[in-house]
N, C-alpha and C. Protein backbone atom coordinates (compact mmCIF):
# COMPACT_ATOMS: atom_id res chain seq x y z
N MET A 1 -12.26 9.61 9.33
CA MET A 1 -11.53 11.07 8.61
C MET A 1 -10.43 10.70 8.84
N ILE A 2 -10.32 10.81 7.33
CA ILE A 2 -8.60 9.79 6.79
C ILE A 2 -7.43 10.78 7.19
N PRO A 3 -6.44 10.62 8.17
CA PRO A 3 -5.91 11.10 8.65
C PRO A 3 -4.70 11.45 7.59
N THR A 4 -4.08 12.91 7.48
CA THR A 4 -3.20 13.18 6.28
C THR A 4 -1.30 13.29 6.98
N LEU A 5 -0.37 12.01 6.74
CA LEU A 5 0.78 12.02 6.95
C LEU A 5 1.34 13.02 6.41
N SER A 6 2.47 13.38 6.90
CA SER A 6 3.39 13.95 6.40
C SER A 6 5.30 13.95 6.68
N THR A 7 5.28 13.61 5.22
CA THR A 7 6.77 13.12 5.65
C THR A 7 7.90 14.07 5.12
N GLU A 8 8.79 13.93 4.94
CA GLU A 8 10.22 14.96 4.27
C GLU A 8 9.83 15.22 2.76
N ARG A 9 9.88 14.29 1.98
CA ARG A 9 8.96 14.47 0.88
C ARG A 9 7.53 13.99 0.07
N LEU A 10 7.07 13.81 1.35
CA LEU A 10 5.23 13.37 0.77
C LEU A 10 4.51 13.05 1.69
N THR A 11 3.40 13.57 0.68
CA THR A 11 2.26 13.60 1.85
C THR A 11 1.01 12.70 1.49
N LEU A 12 0.96 12.17 3.30
CA LEU A 12 -0.30 10.33 2.23
C LEU A 12 -1.61 11.58 3.13
N ARG A 13 -2.57 11.30 2.15
CA ARG A 13 -3.60 11.62 2.06
C ARG A 13 -4.68 11.01 1.49
N ALA A 14 -5.87 11.30 2.08
CA ALA A 14 -7.10 10.75 1.45
C ALA A 14 -6.99 10.49 0.11
N PRO A 15 -7.32 9.45 -0.88
CA PRO A 15 -7.48 9.04 -1.85
C PRO A 15 -8.34 10.19 -2.96
N GLU A 16 -9.15 11.29 -3.38
CA GLU A 16 -9.80 11.26 -4.41
C GLU A 16 -9.89 11.80 -5.38
N LEU A 17 -10.93 12.05 -5.75
CA LEU A 17 -11.53 11.81 -7.49
C LEU A 17 -10.04 12.02 -8.61
N GLY A 18 -9.56 12.76 -8.50
CA GLY A 18 -8.66 13.36 -9.18
C GLY A 18 -7.63 12.29 -8.98
N ASP A 19 -7.30 11.50 -8.17
CA ASP A 19 -6.44 10.55 -8.63
C ASP A 19 -6.83 9.59 -9.41
N HIS A 20 -7.78 9.32 -9.90
CA HIS A 20 -8.38 8.00 -10.92
C HIS A 20 -7.50 8.04 -11.84
N PRO A 21 -6.98 8.55 -12.82
CA PRO A 21 -6.39 8.87 -13.65
C PRO A 21 -5.17 8.35 -13.66
N ALA A 22 -4.59 8.53 -12.77
CA ALA A 22 -3.02 8.09 -12.73
C ALA A 22 -3.12 6.28 -12.25
N CYS A 23 -4.26 6.45 -11.26
CA CYS A 23 -4.37 4.88 -10.45
C CYS A 23 -4.53 3.85 -12.24
N ALA A 24 -5.81 4.68 -13.01
CA ALA A 24 -6.44 3.71 -14.25
C ALA A 24 -5.16 3.30 -14.91
N ALA A 25 -3.91 4.83 -15.26
CA ALA A 25 -3.15 4.46 -16.49
C ALA A 25 -2.37 3.72 -16.07
N PHE A 26 -1.96 3.75 -14.58
CA PHE A 26 -1.26 2.07 -13.49
C PHE A 26 -1.83 0.65 -13.91
N TYR A 27 -3.06 0.68 -13.74
CA TYR A 27 -3.64 -0.44 -13.71
C TYR A 27 -3.92 -0.93 -14.70
N ALA A 28 -3.65 -0.12 -16.07
CA ALA A 28 -4.25 -0.45 -16.86
C ALA A 28 -2.50 -1.29 -17.81
N THR A 29 -1.50 -0.86 -17.36
CA THR A 29 0.28 -1.32 -17.71
C THR A 29 0.38 -3.36 -16.85
N GLU A 30 1.00 -3.28 -17.84
CA GLU A 30 1.54 -4.86 -17.17
C GLU A 30 2.23 -4.98 -16.29
N ARG A 31 3.34 -3.42 -15.78
CA ARG A 31 3.41 -3.67 -14.66
C ARG A 31 2.59 -3.82 -13.35
N SER A 32 1.33 -3.81 -13.79
CA SER A 32 0.25 -4.19 -12.65
C SER A 32 -0.04 -5.25 -12.52
N HIS A 33 0.83 -6.17 -13.08
CA HIS A 33 0.31 -7.55 -12.73
C HIS A 33 0.66 -8.15 -11.48
N ILE A 34 1.75 -7.53 -11.00
CA ILE A 34 1.63 -8.33 -9.56
C ILE A 34 1.07 -7.99 -7.83
N VAL A 35 -0.10 -6.80 -8.85
CA VAL A 35 -1.04 -6.11 -8.24
C VAL A 35 -2.00 -6.61 -7.99
N GLY A 36 -2.57 -7.62 -9.69
CA GLY A 36 -4.02 -8.06 -9.60
C GLY A 36 -4.22 -7.54 -11.42
N GLY A 37 -3.74 -6.68 -11.81
CA GLY A 37 -3.57 -6.20 -12.63
C GLY A 37 -2.93 -6.92 -13.55
N PRO A 38 -3.23 -6.50 -15.31
CA PRO A 38 -3.90 -5.20 -15.82
C PRO A 38 -5.42 -5.50 -15.74
N LEU A 39 -6.04 -3.80 -15.16
CA LEU A 39 -7.70 -4.23 -14.99
C LEU A 39 -7.93 -3.20 -16.55
N ASP A 40 -9.06 -3.04 -16.42
CA ASP A 40 -9.35 -1.53 -16.86
C ASP A 40 -9.92 -0.87 -16.16
N GLU A 41 -10.54 0.49 -17.10
CA GLU A 41 -10.91 1.61 -15.90
C GLU A 41 -11.66 1.35 -14.70
N VAL A 42 -12.62 0.63 -14.93
CA VAL A 42 -14.01 -0.11 -14.03
C VAL A 42 -13.47 -0.22 -12.83
N GLY A 43 -12.14 -1.33 -13.59
CA GLY A 43 -11.36 -2.28 -12.15
C GLY A 43 -10.47 -1.34 -11.59
N ALA A 44 -9.93 -0.32 -11.99
CA ALA A 44 -9.49 0.65 -11.29
C ALA A 44 -9.99 1.53 -10.21
N TRP A 45 -11.17 1.89 -11.01
CA TRP A 45 -12.39 2.95 -10.08
C TRP A 45 -12.08 1.66 -8.50
N LYS A 46 -12.44 0.40 -8.92
CA LYS A 46 -12.99 -0.08 -7.77
C LYS A 46 -12.05 0.07 -6.98
N ILE A 47 -11.03 0.06 -7.36
CA ILE A 47 -9.14 -0.56 -6.36
C ILE A 47 -9.17 1.34 -5.34
N LEU A 48 -9.58 2.38 -6.40
CA LEU A 48 -9.74 3.60 -5.49
C LEU A 48 -10.96 3.30 -4.63
N THR A 49 -11.79 3.58 -5.37
CA THR A 49 -13.35 3.31 -4.01
C THR A 49 -12.92 2.02 -2.57
N ASN A 50 -12.23 1.19 -2.70
CA ASN A 50 -11.96 0.01 -1.84
C ASN A 50 -11.07 0.78 -0.98
N ASP A 51 -9.87 1.55 -1.62
CA ASP A 51 -9.26 2.47 -0.52
C ASP A 51 -9.21 3.38 0.21
N VAL A 52 -10.81 3.85 -0.11
CA VAL A 52 -11.31 5.11 0.22
C VAL A 52 -12.33 4.25 1.93
N GLY A 53 -12.74 3.23 0.82
CA GLY A 53 -14.34 2.56 1.54
C GLY A 53 -13.29 1.89 3.26
N HIS A 54 -12.56 1.55 2.88
CA HIS A 54 -12.07 0.74 3.90
C HIS A 54 -12.07 1.93 5.19
N TRP A 55 -11.20 2.78 4.65
CA TRP A 55 -11.12 3.84 6.57
C TRP A 55 -12.71 3.61 6.50
N HIS A 56 -13.59 3.75 6.09
CA HIS A 56 -15.09 3.96 6.67
C HIS A 56 -15.47 2.56 7.33
N LEU A 57 -15.18 1.73 7.19
CA LEU A 57 -15.61 0.13 7.34
C LEU A 57 -14.16 -0.57 8.73
N ARG A 58 -13.40 -0.01 8.49
CA ARG A 58 -12.45 -0.82 9.47
C ARG A 58 -12.09 0.38 10.67
N GLY A 59 -11.87 1.28 9.82
CA GLY A 59 -11.23 3.18 10.74
C GLY A 59 -9.46 3.10 10.64
N TYR A 60 -9.34 2.43 9.42
CA TYR A 60 -7.78 2.25 8.46
C TYR A 60 -7.78 2.20 7.25
N GLY A 61 -7.28 2.31 6.19
CA GLY A 61 -7.13 2.05 4.88
C GLY A 61 -6.15 2.81 4.25
N TRP A 62 -5.77 2.99 2.79
CA TRP A 62 -4.74 3.17 1.92
C TRP A 62 -4.79 4.41 2.30
N TRP A 63 -3.49 5.83 2.40
CA TRP A 63 -3.72 6.79 1.16
C TRP A 63 -3.29 6.68 0.01
N ALA A 64 -3.43 7.67 -0.81
CA ALA A 64 -2.89 8.64 -1.83
C ALA A 64 -1.45 9.11 -1.55
N ILE A 65 -0.48 8.44 -2.40
CA ILE A 65 0.87 9.01 -1.66
C ILE A 65 1.43 10.39 -2.95
N ASP A 66 1.48 11.25 -2.27
CA ASP A 66 1.37 12.60 -3.05
C ASP A 66 2.88 13.12 -2.91
N ALA A 67 3.77 12.99 -4.17
CA ALA A 67 4.97 13.64 -4.52
C ALA A 67 5.10 15.44 -4.66
N SER A 68 3.97 15.60 -4.99
CA SER A 68 4.62 17.27 -5.05
C SER A 68 5.45 17.98 -4.74
N LYS A 69 5.61 17.92 -2.95
CA LYS A 69 7.00 18.37 -2.08
C LYS A 69 7.84 17.94 -2.58
N ASP A 70 7.87 16.74 -3.77
CA ASP A 70 9.51 16.45 -3.89
C ASP A 70 9.87 16.68 -5.33
N GLY A 71 8.66 17.74 -6.56
CA GLY A 71 8.68 17.65 -6.85
C GLY A 71 8.22 17.13 -8.16
N GLY A 72 7.10 15.65 -7.74
CA GLY A 72 7.04 14.90 -8.53
C GLY A 72 5.38 14.85 -8.45
N ASP A 73 4.90 13.92 -8.88
CA ASP A 73 2.83 14.08 -9.32
C ASP A 73 1.91 14.23 -7.93
N ALA A 74 1.58 15.01 -8.05
CA ALA A 74 0.20 14.75 -6.88
C ALA A 74 0.22 13.54 -6.23
N CYS A 75 0.15 12.44 -7.28
CA CYS A 75 -0.29 10.93 -7.41
C CYS A 75 0.26 9.98 -7.56
N VAL A 76 1.52 9.79 -7.23
CA VAL A 76 2.59 9.09 -7.46
C VAL A 76 1.87 6.74 -6.97
N GLY A 77 0.97 7.26 -6.28
CA GLY A 77 0.88 5.87 -6.31
C GLY A 77 0.14 6.08 -4.50
N SER A 78 0.14 4.71 -3.93
CA SER A 78 -1.51 4.21 -2.92
C SER A 78 -0.19 3.34 -1.56
N CYS A 79 -0.96 3.32 -0.46
CA CYS A 79 0.37 2.74 0.01
C CYS A 79 -1.25 2.69 1.83
N GLY A 80 -1.20 1.82 2.51
CA GLY A 80 -1.73 1.55 3.71
C GLY A 80 -2.18 0.24 3.73
N PHE A 81 -3.38 0.01 4.84
CA PHE A 81 -3.31 -1.42 5.75
C PHE A 81 -4.68 -1.76 4.75
N HIS A 82 -5.14 -2.71 4.89
CA HIS A 82 -6.52 -3.70 4.52
C HIS A 82 -6.40 -5.24 5.34
N LEU A 83 -7.87 -5.57 5.46
CA LEU A 83 -8.20 -6.50 5.77
C LEU A 83 -9.28 -6.57 5.68
N PRO A 84 -9.18 -7.78 3.55
CA PRO A 84 -10.18 -8.18 3.69
C PRO A 84 -11.05 -9.24 4.37
N ALA A 85 -12.20 -9.70 3.93
CA ALA A 85 -13.06 -10.48 4.44
C ALA A 85 -12.80 -11.77 4.04
N GLY A 86 -12.26 -12.23 5.27
CA GLY A 86 -11.82 -13.77 5.49
C GLY A 86 -10.00 -14.42 5.59
N ARG A 87 -9.19 -13.04 5.78
CA ARG A 87 -8.34 -13.25 5.82
C ARG A 87 -7.60 -12.88 6.95
N PRO A 88 -6.85 -13.08 7.80
CA PRO A 88 -6.15 -13.23 9.21
C PRO A 88 -5.50 -12.38 9.94
N ASP A 89 -4.67 -11.69 8.68
CA ASP A 89 -3.94 -10.69 9.47
C ASP A 89 -4.06 -9.80 8.85
N VAL A 90 -3.85 -8.24 9.07
CA VAL A 90 -3.59 -6.93 8.58
C VAL A 90 -2.74 -7.15 7.77
N GLU A 91 -2.93 -6.71 6.36
CA GLU A 91 -1.88 -6.27 5.77
C GLU A 91 -1.35 -4.60 4.94
N LEU A 92 0.52 -4.40 5.12
CA LEU A 92 0.45 -3.31 4.70
C LEU A 92 0.76 -3.22 3.02
N GLY A 93 0.23 -2.87 2.55
CA GLY A 93 0.18 -2.69 1.08
C GLY A 93 1.19 -1.12 0.49
N TRP A 94 1.74 -1.28 -0.52
CA TRP A 94 2.42 -0.24 -1.42
C TRP A 94 1.65 -0.52 -2.76
N SER A 95 2.10 0.29 -4.04
CA SER A 95 1.83 0.67 -5.53
C SER A 95 2.26 1.66 -5.77
N LEU A 96 3.48 1.78 -6.40
CA LEU A 96 3.43 3.20 -7.21
C LEU A 96 3.30 2.97 -8.67
N TYR A 97 3.04 4.38 -8.91
CA TYR A 97 2.28 4.15 -10.37
C TYR A 97 3.70 5.44 -11.01
N SER A 98 4.20 5.80 -10.70
CA SER A 98 5.06 6.74 -11.06
C SER A 98 6.58 6.90 -9.91
N GLY A 99 7.56 7.77 -10.14
CA GLY A 99 8.10 7.81 -9.23
C GLY A 99 9.05 6.69 -8.63
N THR A 100 9.31 5.21 -9.11
CA THR A 100 9.58 4.65 -9.05
C THR A 100 11.30 4.68 -9.05
N GLY A 101 11.76 4.09 -8.17
CA GLY A 101 13.44 4.14 -7.80
C GLY A 101 13.94 5.24 -6.81
N ARG A 102 12.71 5.90 -5.79
CA ARG A 102 13.26 6.81 -5.43
C ARG A 102 13.02 7.12 -4.34
N GLY A 103 12.74 5.95 -3.77
CA GLY A 103 12.58 5.60 -2.61
C GLY A 103 11.38 6.11 -1.60
N TYR A 104 10.56 6.12 -2.62
CA TYR A 104 9.05 6.87 -2.24
C TYR A 104 8.15 5.35 -1.30
N ALA A 105 7.87 4.15 -1.94
CA ALA A 105 7.55 3.79 -1.34
C ALA A 105 7.88 3.19 0.23
N THR A 106 9.30 2.96 0.13
CA THR A 106 9.48 2.64 1.65
C THR A 106 9.66 4.31 2.33
N GLU A 107 9.72 5.01 2.25
CA GLU A 107 9.20 6.42 3.02
C GLU A 107 7.75 6.07 3.12
N ALA A 108 7.04 6.02 2.23
CA ALA A 108 5.19 6.04 2.57
C ALA A 108 5.12 4.69 3.45
N ALA A 109 5.64 3.41 3.58
CA ALA A 109 4.99 2.79 4.28
C ALA A 109 5.49 3.04 5.90
N ARG A 110 6.72 3.68 5.57
CA ARG A 110 7.51 3.57 7.36
C ARG A 110 6.51 4.63 7.22
N ALA A 111 5.85 5.47 6.80
CA ALA A 111 5.13 6.71 8.03
C ALA A 111 4.03 5.95 8.25
N ALA A 112 3.11 5.42 7.10
CA ALA A 112 2.09 4.53 7.44
C ALA A 112 2.14 3.12 8.98
N LEU A 113 3.04 2.93 8.52
CA LEU A 113 3.93 2.04 10.36
C LEU A 113 4.08 2.68 11.40
N ASP A 114 4.05 3.78 11.10
CA ASP A 114 4.70 5.10 12.28
C ASP A 114 3.41 5.13 12.77
N TRP A 115 2.43 5.37 11.62
CA TRP A 115 0.83 5.85 12.24
C TRP A 115 0.65 4.69 12.88
N ALA A 116 0.52 3.74 12.33
CA ALA A 116 -0.37 2.47 13.03
C ALA A 116 0.28 2.46 14.67
N ARG A 117 1.38 2.54 14.61
CA ARG A 117 2.06 2.03 15.68
C ARG A 117 1.63 3.35 17.04
N ARG A 118 2.24 4.81 16.60
CA ARG A 118 1.26 5.88 17.81
C ARG A 118 -0.16 5.25 17.78
N THR A 119 -0.49 5.13 17.32
CA THR A 119 -2.29 5.10 17.72
C THR A 119 -3.31 4.10 18.05
N GLY A 120 -1.74 2.64 17.93
CA GLY A 120 -2.23 1.76 18.94
C GLY A 120 -2.84 0.76 17.69
N HIS A 121 -3.39 1.17 16.62
CA HIS A 121 -3.69 -0.29 15.91
C HIS A 121 -2.89 -1.28 15.72
N ALA A 122 -1.49 -0.97 15.78
CA ALA A 122 -0.65 -2.27 15.61
C ALA A 122 -0.68 -2.81 16.92
N ALA A 123 -0.82 -1.98 17.52
CA ALA A 123 -1.18 -3.52 18.86
C ALA A 123 -2.10 -4.43 19.03
N ARG A 124 -2.76 -3.60 18.55
CA ARG A 124 -4.51 -4.07 18.22
C ARG A 124 -4.91 -5.53 17.34
N TRP A 125 -3.79 -5.06 16.44
CA TRP A 125 -4.03 -6.07 14.96
C TRP A 125 -3.21 -7.60 15.50
N GLY A 126 -1.99 -6.99 16.12
CA GLY A 126 -1.51 -8.43 15.94
C GLY A 126 0.07 -8.77 15.39
N ARG A 127 -0.56 -8.94 14.33
CA ARG A 127 0.79 -9.84 13.08
C ARG A 127 0.10 -8.28 11.79
N ILE A 128 1.09 -7.49 11.24
CA ILE A 128 0.80 -6.81 10.21
C ILE A 128 1.83 -7.53 8.90
N VAL A 129 1.56 -7.79 7.77
CA VAL A 129 2.62 -8.25 7.49
C VAL A 129 2.01 -7.86 6.13
N SER A 130 2.98 -8.14 4.83
CA SER A 130 2.64 -8.05 3.67
C SER A 130 2.89 -8.82 2.67
N HIS A 131 1.99 -9.30 1.96
CA HIS A 131 2.19 -10.35 0.93
C HIS A 131 2.45 -10.47 -0.69
N ILE A 132 3.60 -10.24 -0.65
CA ILE A 132 4.88 -9.74 -1.73
C ILE A 132 5.26 -10.99 -3.11
N ASP A 133 4.37 -10.72 -4.20
CA ASP A 133 5.51 -11.57 -5.06
C ASP A 133 6.55 -12.36 -5.08
N ARG A 134 6.94 -13.83 -5.37
CA ARG A 134 8.44 -14.08 -4.95
C ARG A 134 9.30 -13.30 -6.04
N ASP A 135 8.67 -12.87 -7.48
CA ASP A 135 9.53 -12.46 -8.45
C ASP A 135 9.69 -10.46 -8.12
N ASN A 136 8.36 -10.42 -7.19
CA ASN A 136 8.56 -8.78 -6.88
C ASN A 136 9.83 -8.05 -5.78
N THR A 137 10.98 -8.05 -6.81
CA THR A 137 12.17 -7.47 -5.79
C THR A 137 12.44 -6.75 -5.44
N ALA A 138 11.93 -5.81 -5.76
CA ALA A 138 11.51 -4.55 -5.21
C ALA A 138 10.79 -4.52 -4.38
N SER A 139 9.69 -4.38 -4.27
CA SER A 139 8.95 -4.98 -3.00
C SER A 139 9.69 -5.11 -1.94
N GLN A 140 10.32 -6.48 -2.01
CA GLN A 140 11.49 -7.27 -0.88
C GLN A 140 12.19 -6.35 -0.68
N ARG A 141 12.71 -5.49 -1.31
CA ARG A 141 13.72 -4.33 -1.08
C ARG A 141 13.06 -3.38 0.08
N VAL A 142 11.61 -3.22 -0.19
CA VAL A 142 11.08 -2.29 0.54
C VAL A 142 10.85 -2.87 1.75
N ALA A 143 10.24 -3.92 1.65
CA ALA A 143 10.13 -4.99 3.16
C ALA A 143 11.10 -4.76 3.92
N THR A 144 12.22 -5.53 3.37
CA THR A 144 13.43 -5.41 4.08
C THR A 144 14.11 -4.30 4.51
N ARG A 145 13.77 -3.04 3.81
CA ARG A 145 14.40 -1.73 4.96
C ARG A 145 12.99 -1.02 5.69
N LEU A 146 12.44 -1.75 5.54
CA LEU A 146 11.64 -1.46 7.25
C LEU A 146 11.78 -2.74 8.28
N GLY A 147 12.63 -3.80 7.73
CA GLY A 147 12.76 -4.39 8.95
C GLY A 147 12.01 -5.68 8.83
N ALA A 148 11.07 -6.01 7.34
CA ALA A 148 9.74 -6.86 7.93
C ALA A 148 10.98 -7.78 6.81
N ILE A 149 10.25 -9.42 7.76
CA ILE A 149 10.75 -11.03 7.34
C ILE A 149 9.79 -11.52 6.47
N ASP A 150 10.60 -12.16 5.51
CA ASP A 150 10.05 -13.69 5.26
C ASP A 150 9.73 -14.51 5.66
N THR A 151 8.55 -14.78 5.77
CA THR A 151 8.24 -15.71 7.00
C THR A 151 8.12 -17.49 5.96
N GLY A 152 8.34 -17.28 4.71
CA GLY A 152 8.29 -18.59 3.76
C GLY A 152 7.42 -18.86 3.38
N GLU A 153 6.08 -18.41 4.19
CA GLU A 153 4.83 -18.88 4.44
C GLU A 153 4.09 -18.36 2.92
N PRO A 154 3.56 -19.23 2.21
CA PRO A 154 2.74 -18.69 1.07
C PRO A 154 1.46 -18.48 1.67
N ALA A 155 1.07 -16.82 1.08
CA ALA A 155 -0.24 -16.29 1.25
C ALA A 155 -1.01 -17.41 0.57
N ALA A 156 -2.84 -17.85 1.35
CA ALA A 156 -3.68 -18.15 1.03
C ALA A 156 -3.86 -17.86 -0.36
N HIS A 157 -4.43 -16.45 -0.69
CA HIS A 157 -4.72 -16.47 -1.15
C HIS A 157 -4.79 -16.23 -2.74
N ASP A 158 -2.55 -16.16 -2.08
CA ASP A 158 -1.63 -16.12 -4.04
C ASP A 158 -0.97 -16.99 -3.50
N THR A 159 -0.86 -18.26 -4.00
CA THR A 159 0.62 -19.07 -3.24
C THR A 159 2.05 -18.31 -4.09
N ALA A 160 1.48 -17.69 -5.35
CA ALA A 160 2.67 -16.85 -5.68
C ALA A 160 3.45 -16.06 -5.15
N CYS A 161 2.72 -15.71 -4.03
CA CYS A 161 3.68 -14.38 -2.44
C CYS A 161 3.90 -15.21 -1.87
N THR A 162 4.62 -14.86 -0.96
CA THR A 162 5.31 -14.71 0.53
C THR A 162 4.67 -13.99 1.11
N ILE A 163 4.56 -14.19 2.72
CA ILE A 163 4.14 -13.42 3.59
C ILE A 163 5.15 -12.70 4.71
N TRP A 164 5.87 -11.65 4.49
CA TRP A 164 6.27 -10.71 4.67
C TRP A 164 6.00 -10.91 6.21
N GLU A 165 6.71 -10.45 7.52
CA GLU A 165 5.72 -10.23 9.02
C GLU A 165 6.86 -8.89 9.43
N HIS A 166 5.69 -7.90 9.87
CA HIS A 166 6.31 -7.09 9.88
C HIS A 166 6.56 -6.77 11.51
N ALA A 167 7.48 -5.81 12.29
CA ALA A 167 7.40 -5.91 14.05
C ALA A 167 6.74 -4.51 14.28
N THR A 168 5.75 -5.11 14.84
CA THR A 168 4.48 -4.02 16.04
C THR A 168 5.10 -3.85 17.00
């Protein structure tokens, strides 16, 4: 079961089929290059299904970010945790499809971190990181607002990224 989280302006909810058009539209653009894009519709589908599947395999994963409480779209992006095979640390990530510059990524990521701490996941994981591209100043600002520290370590899977460590 995927929990629903609520903030003042956002609802973090289970990804659903209706989120695919927003996800596919984002991943079709050059803006997505920092998170593995651009991707075709099939590639975007794999991202969406991975977000759902992670919950079933690991007991945590990614939420869809719904900004309709704030007058925004029903799916402005995604945020959550994952641990791909072969990686040592759980990663907190966020991607905004729309609604950039409104603080949605920070608000969603803060809610996700609070959930991980409240449920005991953070204590079990030990280290929570974000892999952020050196050119992605927007995500660096989000990580800084969350209290994360840039370790300067390159991410093993992508040396264009450095590892930002979050307090657990």
